């Protein structure tokens, strides 16, 4: 039997202007796909959860 269950899921959508040059789009994509960005995003979410005591036992997965 699983130790946890999914209670809710939230999604982030990153939108960019269609007029951006290809090299800018490539730089944005590299940033979003980077380990550093994923780690920073996870740290941010965990930091927010810590502000709300009822969420102390919630576990977060940041992935694609």
PDB file of N, CA and C in Angstrom:
ATOM      1  N   UNK A   1       0.835  -1.176   0.000  1.00  0.00           N
ATOM      2  CA  UNK A   1       0.000   0.000   0.000  1.00  0.00           C
ATOM      3  C   UNK A   1       0.891   1.254   0.000  1.00  0.00           C
ATOM      4  N   UNK A   2       0.546   2.262  -0.805  1.00  0.00           N
ATOM      5  CA  UNK A   2       1.387   3.468  -0.866  1.00  0.00           C
ATOM      6  C   UNK A   2       1.393   4.241   0.450  1.00  0.00           C
ATOM      7  N   UNK A   3       2.494   4.916   0.698  1.00  0.00           N
ATOM      8  CA  UNK A   3       2.624   5.717   1.915  1.00  0.00           C
ATOM      9  C   UNK A   3       1.998   7.096   1.760  1.00  0.00           C
ATOM     10  N   UNK A   4       1.831   7.544   0.530  1.00  0.00           N
ATOM     11  CA  UNK A   4       1.219   8.855   0.280  1.00  0.00           C
ATOM     12  C   UNK A   4       0.220   8.744  -0.862  1.00  0.00           C
ATOM     13  N   UNK A   5      -0.646   9.737  -0.951  1.00  0.00           N
ATOM     14  CA  UNK A   5      -1.591   9.831  -2.058  1.00  0.00           C
ATOM     15  C   UNK A   5      -1.543  11.259  -2.593  1.00  0.00           C
ATOM     16  N   UNK A   6      -1.880  11.416  -3.852  1.00  0.00           N
ATOM     17  CA  UNK A   6      -1.928  12.746  -4.450  1.00  0.00           C
ATOM     18  C   UNK A   6      -3.222  13.419  -4.000  1.00  0.00           C
ATOM     19  N   UNK A   7      -3.082  14.531  -3.322  1.00  0.00           N
ATOM     20  CA  UNK A   7      -4.247  15.284  -2.861  1.00  0.00           C
ATOM     21  C   UNK A   7      -4.645  16.335  -3.898  1.00  0.00           C
ATOM     22  N   UNK A   8      -3.642  16.980  -4.489  1.00  0.00           N
ATOM     23  CA  UNK A   8      -3.904  18.031  -5.470  1.00  0.00           C
ATOM     24  C   UNK A   8      -2.668  18.215  -6.340  1.00  0.00           C
ATOM     25  N   UNK A   9      -2.861  18.705  -7.536  1.00  0.00           N
ATOM     26  CA  UNK A   9      -1.756  19.015  -8.435  1.00  0.00           C
ATOM     27  C   UNK A   9      -1.939  20.428  -8.968  1.00  0.00           C
ATOM     28  N   UNK A  10      -0.849  21.139  -9.069  1.00  0.00           N
ATOM     29  CA  UNK A  10      -0.843  22.479  -9.644  1.00  0.00           C
ATOM     30  C   UNK A  10       0.113  22.464 -10.822  1.00  0.00           C
ATOM     31  N   UNK A  11      -0.162  23.279 -11.794  1.00  0.00           N
ATOM     32  CA  UNK A  11       0.674  23.341 -12.990  1.00  0.00           C
ATOM     33  C   UNK A  11       1.149  24.765 -13.214  1.00  0.00           C
ATOM     34  N   UNK A  12       2.364  24.902 -13.694  1.00  0.00           N
ATOM     35  CA  UNK A  12       2.900  26.194 -14.100  1.00  0.00           C
ATOM     36  C   UNK A  12       2.955  26.212 -15.620  1.00  0.00           C
ATOM     37  N   UNK A  13       2.560  27.310 -16.204  1.00  0.00           N
ATOM     38  CA  UNK A  13       2.643  27.474 -17.643  1.00  0.00           C
ATOM     39  C   UNK A  13       3.529  28.674 -17.929  1.00  0.00           C
ATOM     40  N   UNK A  14       4.553  28.462 -18.706  1.00  0.00           N
ATOM     41  CA  UNK A  14       5.464  29.540 -19.079  1.00  0.00           C
ATOM     42  C   UNK A  14       5.133  29.963 -20.502  1.00  0.00           C
ATOM     43  N   UNK A  15       4.730  31.207 -20.652  1.00  0.00           N
ATOM     44  CA  UNK A  15       4.351  31.730 -21.966  1.00  0.00           C
ATOM     45  C   UNK A  15       5.359  32.795 -22.378  1.00  0.00           C
ATOM     46  N   UNK A  16       5.723  32.782 -23.640  1.00  0.00           N
ATOM     47  CA  UNK A  16       6.654  33.780 -24.162  1.00  0.00           C
ATOM     48  C   UNK A  16       6.058  34.404 -25.420  1.00  0.00           C
ATOM     49  N   UNK A  17       6.472  35.613 -25.744  1.00  0.00           N
ATOM     50  CA  UNK A  17       5.980  36.243 -26.969  1.00  0.00           C
ATOM     51  C   UNK A  17       6.441  35.465 -28.206  1.00  0.00           C
ATOM     52  N   UNK A  18       5.585  35.362 -29.186  1.00  0.00           N
ATOM     53  CA  UNK A  18       5.943  34.632 -30.407  1.00  0.00           C
ATOM     54  C   UNK A  18       7.022  35.356 -31.199  1.00  0.00           C
ATOM     55  N   UNK A  19       7.216  36.625 -30.927  1.00  0.00           N
ATOM     56  CA  UNK A  19       8.172  37.426 -31.699  1.00  0.00           C
ATOM     57  C   UNK A  19       9.606  37.333 -31.201  1.00  0.00           C
ATOM     58  N   UNK A  20       9.859  36.557 -30.150  1.00  0.00           N
ATOM     59  CA  UNK A  20      11.226  36.457 -29.629  1.00  0.00           C
ATOM     60  C   UNK A  20      12.152  35.792 -30.635  1.00  0.00           C
ATOM     61  N   UNK A  21      13.396  36.257 -30.703  1.00  0.00           N
ATOM     62  CA  UNK A  21      14.373  35.604 -31.581  1.00  0.00           C
ATOM     63  C   UNK A  21      14.651  34.174 -31.108  1.00  0.00           C
ATOM     64  N   UNK A  22      15.008  33.320 -32.054  1.00  0.00           N
ATOM     65  CA  UNK A  22      15.276  31.912 -31.741  1.00  0.00           C
ATOM     66  C   UNK A  22      16.311  31.742 -30.637  1.00  0.00           C
ATOM     67  N   UNK A  23      17.359  32.555 -30.670  1.00  0.00           N
ATOM     68  CA  UNK A  23      18.413  32.389 -29.654  1.00  0.00           C
ATOM     69  C   UNK A  23      17.899  32.716 -28.258  1.00  0.00           C
ATOM     70  N   UNK A  24      16.962  33.644 -28.151  1.00  0.00           N
ATOM     71  CA  UNK A  24      16.372  33.974 -26.862  1.00  0.00           C
ATOM     72  C   UNK A  24      15.480  32.835 -26.381  1.00  0.00           C
ATOM     73  N   UNK A  25      14.717  32.274 -27.292  1.00  0.00           N
ATOM     74  CA  UNK A  25      13.865  31.126 -26.957  1.00  0.00           C
ATOM     75  C   UNK A  25      14.732  29.956 -26.492  1.00  0.00           C
ATOM     76  N   UNK A  26      15.830  29.732 -27.181  1.00  0.00           N
ATOM     77  CA  UNK A  26      16.749  28.654 -26.807  1.00  0.00           C
ATOM     78  C   UNK A  26      17.314  28.890 -25.406  1.00  0.00           C
ATOM     79  N   UNK A  27      17.676  30.120 -25.100  1.00  0.00           N
ATOM     80  CA  UNK A  27      18.219  30.441 -23.771  1.00  0.00           C
ATOM     81  C   UNK A  27      17.163  30.224 -22.693  1.00  0.00           C
ATOM     82  N   UNK A  28      15.934  30.614 -22.978  1.00  0.00           N
ATOM     83  CA  UNK A  28      14.842  30.411 -22.016  1.00  0.00           C
ATOM     84  C   UNK A  28      14.623  28.923 -21.787  1.00  0.00           C
ATOM     85  N   UNK A  29      14.589  28.158 -22.874  1.00  0.00           N
ATOM     86  CA  UNK A  29      14.363  26.717 -22.760  1.00  0.00           C
ATOM     87  C   UNK A  29      15.479  26.047 -21.955  1.00  0.00           C
ATOM     88  N   UNK A  30      16.727  26.445 -22.207  1.00  0.00           N
ATOM     89  CA  UNK A  30      17.855  25.877 -21.449  1.00  0.00           C
ATOM     90  C   UNK A  30      17.724  26.189 -19.960  1.00  0.00           C
ATOM     91  N   UNK A  31      17.317  27.411 -19.664  1.00  0.00           N
ATOM     92  CA  UNK A  31      17.148  27.804 -18.265  1.00  0.00           C
ATOM     93  C   UNK A  31      16.070  26.963 -17.599  1.00  0.00           C
ATOM     94  N   UNK A  32      14.927  26.849 -18.249  1.00  0.00           N
ATOM     95  CA  UNK A  32      13.813  26.089 -17.669  1.00  0.00           C
ATOM     96  C   UNK A  32      14.147  24.606 -17.520  1.00  0.00           C
ATOM     97  N   UNK A  33      14.964  24.085 -18.405  1.00  0.00           N
ATOM     98  CA  UNK A  33      15.339  22.669 -18.353  1.00  0.00           C
ATOM     99  C   UNK A  33      16.520  22.399 -17.417  1.00  0.00           C
ATOM    100  N   UNK A  34      17.144  23.450 -16.928  1.00  0.00           N
ATOM    101  CA  UNK A  34      18.346  23.290 -16.113  1.00  0.00           C
ATOM    102  C   UNK A  34      18.067  22.787 -14.712  1.00  0.00           C
ATOM    103  N   UNK A  35      19.026  22.078 -14.177  1.00  0.00           N
ATOM    104  CA  UNK A  35      18.914  21.553 -12.810  1.00  0.00           C
ATOM    105  C   UNK A  35      18.840  22.681 -11.786  1.00  0.00           C
ATOM    106  N   UNK A  36      19.565  23.764 -12.043  1.00  0.00           N
ATOM    107  CA  UNK A  36      19.573  24.882 -11.095  1.00  0.00           C
ATOM    108  C   UNK A  36      18.185  25.511 -10.980  1.00  0.00           C
ATOM    109  N   UNK A  37      17.507  25.680 -12.111  1.00  0.00           N
ATOM    110  CA  UNK A  37      16.165  26.263 -12.077  1.00  0.00           C
ATOM    111  C   UNK A  37      15.200  25.344 -11.336  1.00  0.00           C
ATOM    112  N   UNK A  38      15.249  24.061 -11.637  1.00  0.00           N
ATOM    113  CA  UNK A  38      14.364  23.098 -10.975  1.00  0.00           C
ATOM    114  C   UNK A  38      14.611  23.095  -9.470  1.00  0.00           C
ATOM    115  N   UNK A  39      15.870  23.129  -9.068  1.00  0.00           N
ATOM    116  CA  UNK A  39      16.202  23.144  -7.643  1.00  0.00           C
ATOM    117  C   UNK A  39      15.700  24.431  -6.987  1.00  0.00           C
ATOM    118  N   UNK A  40      15.875  25.561  -7.648  1.00  0.00           N
ATOM    119  CA  UNK A  40      15.415  26.836  -7.093  1.00  0.00           C
ATOM    120  C   UNK A  40      13.892  26.863  -6.986  1.00  0.00           C
ATOM    121  N   UNK A  41      13.214  26.316  -7.983  1.00  0.00           N
ATOM    122  CA  UNK A  41      11.757  26.267  -7.954  1.00  0.00           C
ATOM    123  C   UNK A  41      11.280  25.406  -6.781  1.00  0.00           C
ATOM    124  N   UNK A  42      11.915  24.260  -6.612  1.00  0.00           N
ATOM    125  CA  UNK A  42      11.540  23.384  -5.507  1.00  0.00           C
ATOM    126  C   UNK A  42      11.785  24.060  -4.161  1.00  0.00           C
ATOM    127  N   UNK A  43      12.940  24.701  -4.011  1.00  0.00           N
ATOM    128  CA  UNK A  43      13.259  25.406  -2.766  1.00  0.00           C
ATOM    129  C   UNK A  43      12.231  26.488  -2.473  1.00  0.00           C
ATOM    130  N   UNK A  44      11.817  27.190  -3.487  1.00  0.00           N
ATOM    131  CA  UNK A  44      10.819  28.243  -3.322  1.00  0.00           C
ATOM    132  C   UNK A  44       9.495  27.667  -2.838  1.00  0.00           C
ATOM    133  N   UNK A  45       9.061  26.584  -3.462  1.00  0.00           N
ATOM    134  CA  UNK A  45       7.792  25.961  -3.068  1.00  0.00           C
ATOM    135  C   UNK A  45       7.878  25.442  -1.640  1.00  0.00           C
ATOM    136  N   UNK A  46       8.953  24.792  -1.303  1.00  0.00           N
ATOM    137  CA  UNK A  46       9.126  24.280   0.060  1.00  0.00           C
ATOM    138  C   UNK A  46       9.131  25.430   1.064  1.00  0.00           C
ATOM    139  N   UNK A  47       9.779  26.535   0.715  1.00  0.00           N
ATOM    140  CA  UNK A  47       9.797  27.702   1.590  1.00  0.00           C
ATOM    141  C   UNK A  47       8.404  28.253   1.839  1.00  0.00           C
ATOM    142  N   UNK A  48       7.583  28.265   0.809  1.00  0.00           N
ATOM    143  CA  UNK A  48       6.202  28.727   0.959  1.00  0.00           C
ATOM    144  C   UNK A  48       5.412  27.764   1.841  1.00  0.00           C
ATOM    145  N   UNK A  49       5.573  26.465   1.613  1.00  0.00           N
ATOM    146  CA  UNK A  49       4.848  25.483   2.423  1.00  0.00           C
ATOM    147  C   UNK A  49       5.182  25.610   3.899  1.00  0.00           C
ATOM    148  N   UNK A  50       6.416  25.945   4.209  1.00  0.00           N
ATOM    149  CA  UNK A  50       6.841  26.064   5.616  1.00  0.00           C
ATOM    150  C   UNK A  50       6.127  27.199   6.340  1.00  0.00           C
ATOM    151  N   UNK A  51       5.593  28.137   5.606  1.00  0.00           N
ATOM    152  CA  UNK A  51       4.867  29.259   6.221  1.00  0.00           C
ATOM    153  C   UNK A  51       3.480  28.853   6.715  1.00  0.00           C
ATOM    154  N   UNK A  52       3.032  27.673   6.324  1.00  0.00           N
ATOM    155  CA  UNK A  52       1.683  27.219   6.656  1.00  0.00           C
ATOM    156  C   UNK A  52       1.771  25.906   7.444  1.00  0.00           C
ATOM    157  N   UNK A  53       1.691  25.986   8.768  1.00  0.00           N
ATOM    158  CA  UNK A  53       1.843  24.792   9.611  1.00  0.00           C
ATOM    159  C   UNK A  53       0.984  23.592   9.196  1.00  0.00           C
ATOM    160  N   UNK A  54      -0.271  23.773   8.744  1.00  0.00           N
ATOM    161  CA  UNK A  54      -1.039  22.587   8.357  1.00  0.00           C
ATOM    162  C   UNK A  54      -0.410  21.813   7.191  1.00  0.00           C
ATOM    163  N   UNK A  55       0.494  22.453   6.462  1.00  0.00           N
ATOM    164  CA  UNK A  55       1.121  21.792   5.315  1.00  0.00           C
ATOM    165  C   UNK A  55       2.469  21.156   5.661  1.00  0.00           C
ATOM    166  N   UNK A  56       2.783  21.058   6.934  1.00  0.00           N
ATOM    167  CA  UNK A  56       4.087  20.549   7.375  1.00  0.00           C
ATOM    168  C   UNK A  56       4.380  19.134   6.880  1.00  0.00           C
ATOM    169  N   UNK A  57       3.368  18.320   6.717  1.00  0.00           N
ATOM    170  CA  UNK A  57       3.607  16.933   6.300  1.00  0.00           C
ATOM    171  C   UNK A  57       3.494  16.734   4.792  1.00  0.00           C
ATOM    172  N   UNK A  58       3.205  17.812   4.068  1.00  0.00           N
ATOM    173  CA  UNK A  58       3.048  17.705   2.602  1.00  0.00           C
ATOM    174  C   UNK A  58       4.426  17.515   1.959  1.00  0.00           C
ATOM    175  N   UNK A  59       4.526  16.625   1.022  1.00  0.00           N
ATOM    176  CA  UNK A  59       5.745  16.399   0.249  1.00  0.00           C
ATOM    177  C   UNK A  59       5.516  16.910  -1.166  1.00  0.00           C
ATOM    178  N   UNK A  60       6.511  17.587  -1.712  1.00  0.00           N
ATOM    179  CA  UNK A  60       6.396  18.212  -3.015  1.00  0.00           C
ATOM    180  C   UNK A  60       7.333  17.531  -3.994  1.00  0.00           C
ATOM    181  N   UNK A  61       6.827  17.314  -5.196  1.00  0.00           N
ATOM    182  CA  UNK A  61       7.644  16.819  -6.295  1.00  0.00           C
ATOM    183  C   UNK A  61       7.624  17.865  -7.395  1.00  0.00           C
ATOM    184  N   UNK A  62       8.790  18.336  -7.765  1.00  0.00           N
ATOM    185  CA  UNK A  62       8.904  19.254  -8.897  1.00  0.00           C
ATOM    186  C   UNK A  62       9.527  18.455 -10.027  1.00  0.00           C
ATOM    187  N   UNK A  63       8.795  18.291 -11.075  1.00  0.00           N
ATOM    188  CA  UNK A  63       9.281  17.513 -12.206  1.00  0.00           C
ATOM    189  C   UNK A  63       8.569  17.920 -13.478  1.00  0.00           C
ATOM    190  N   UNK A  64       8.919  17.267 -14.523  1.00  0.00           N
ATOM    191  CA  UNK A  64       8.346  17.580 -15.835  1.00  0.00           C
ATOM    192  C   UNK A  64       7.604  16.398 -16.356  1.00  0.00           C
TER     193      UNK A  64
END
